Amino acid sequence: MEVIEGFKNLNECFVYNEAKFLPMKQNALDIAESYKFIKSHFPRTKFTICGVQYFGEAVHNLKKLELNTVN
């Protein structure tokens, strides 16, 4: 709820901002719905789909996060 309130405040103040979506196994089917929600409620918010950066805990959680494993 704090993130939503933050987007609301930024948009009301005409501040352009960005929502970054990191697709994983747990949320891959939510991309379209997330995009529609952001664009319909926060028109000044840019929606970006990001790739995984393999460092930190992502290295250890690769099998839990990755959509497809490429050898």
Protein backbone atom coordinates (compact mmCIF):
# COMPACT_ATOMS: atom_id res chain seq x y z
CA MET A 1 0.00 0.00 0.00
CA GLU A 2 2.93 2.36 0.64
CA VAL A 3 4.17 1.90 -2.93
CA ILE A 4 0.71 2.65 -4.33
CA GLU A 5 0.50 5.76 -2.16
CA GLY A 6 3.94 6.82 -3.38
CA PHE A 7 2.93 6.46 -7.04
CA LYS A 8 -0.25 8.40 -6.30
CA ASN A 9 1.70 11.25 -4.69
CA LEU A 10 4.25 11.40 -7.51
CA ASN A 11 1.56 11.47 -10.19
CA GLU A 12 -0.46 14.13 -8.37
CA CYS A 13 2.69 16.30 -8.24
CA PHE A 14 3.32 15.70 -11.98
CA VAL A 15 6.56 13.83 -11.26
CA TYR A 16 7.44 11.23 -13.86
CA ASN A 17 8.66 7.95 -12.31
CA GLU A 18 9.15 4.28 -13.10
CA ALA A 19 7.76 0.92 -11.99
CA LYS A 20 10.15 -1.94 -12.73
CA PHE A 21 8.72 -5.43 -13.19
CA LEU A 22 11.09 -8.37 -12.77
CA PRO A 23 9.45 -11.47 -14.31
CA MET A 24 9.96 -14.66 -12.33
CA LYS A 25 8.19 -18.02 -12.11
CA GLN A 26 6.04 -16.61 -9.30
CA ASN A 27 4.72 -13.57 -11.23
CA ALA A 28 5.25 -14.16 -14.97
CA LEU A 29 1.52 -14.39 -15.63
CA ASP A 30 0.93 -11.03 -13.92
CA ILE A 31 2.81 -8.83 -16.41
CA ALA A 32 -0.22 -7.70 -18.44
CA GLU A 33 -2.38 -7.08 -15.38
CA SER A 34 0.41 -5.12 -13.67
CA TYR A 35 0.97 -2.99 -16.78
CA LYS A 36 -2.76 -2.23 -17.11
CA PHE A 37 -3.00 -1.30 -13.42
CA ILE A 38 -0.03 1.07 -13.53
CA LYS A 39 -1.10 2.74 -16.78
CA SER A 40 -4.75 3.16 -15.77
CA HIS A 41 -4.03 4.56 -12.28
CA PHE A 42 -0.66 6.30 -12.72
CA PRO A 43 -0.29 7.68 -16.26
CA ARG A 44 3.01 9.45 -15.49
CA THR A 45 4.63 6.21 -14.34
CA LYS A 46 6.83 4.42 -16.86
CA PHE A 47 6.45 0.60 -16.80
CA THR A 48 9.65 -1.32 -17.50
CA ILE A 49 10.16 -5.08 -17.70
CA CYS A 50 13.63 -5.85 -16.35
CA GLY A 51 15.94 -8.82 -16.68
CA VAL A 52 17.46 -10.71 -13.78
CA GLN A 53 20.89 -9.59 -12.71
CA TYR A 54 22.71 -12.64 -11.42
CA PHE A 55 24.51 -11.45 -8.31
CA GLY A 56 23.82 -11.59 -4.59
CA GLU A 57 20.99 -13.91 -3.57
CA ALA A 58 19.80 -14.35 -7.18
CA VAL A 59 22.78 -16.65 -7.77
CA HIS A 60 21.62 -18.95 -4.96
CA ASN A 61 17.92 -18.76 -5.88
CA LEU A 62 18.30 -19.22 -9.64
CA LYS A 63 16.06 -22.31 -9.89
CA LYS A 64 13.30 -20.58 -7.89
CA LEU A 65 13.36 -17.39 -9.99
CA GLU A 66 14.31 -18.18 -13.56
CA LEU A 67 11.62 -18.73 -16.16
CA ASN A 68 13.85 -20.81 -18.49
CA THR A 69 17.30 -22.23 -17.87
CA VAL A 70 19.67 -21.78 -20.79
CA ASN A 71 22.87 -23.80 -20.94
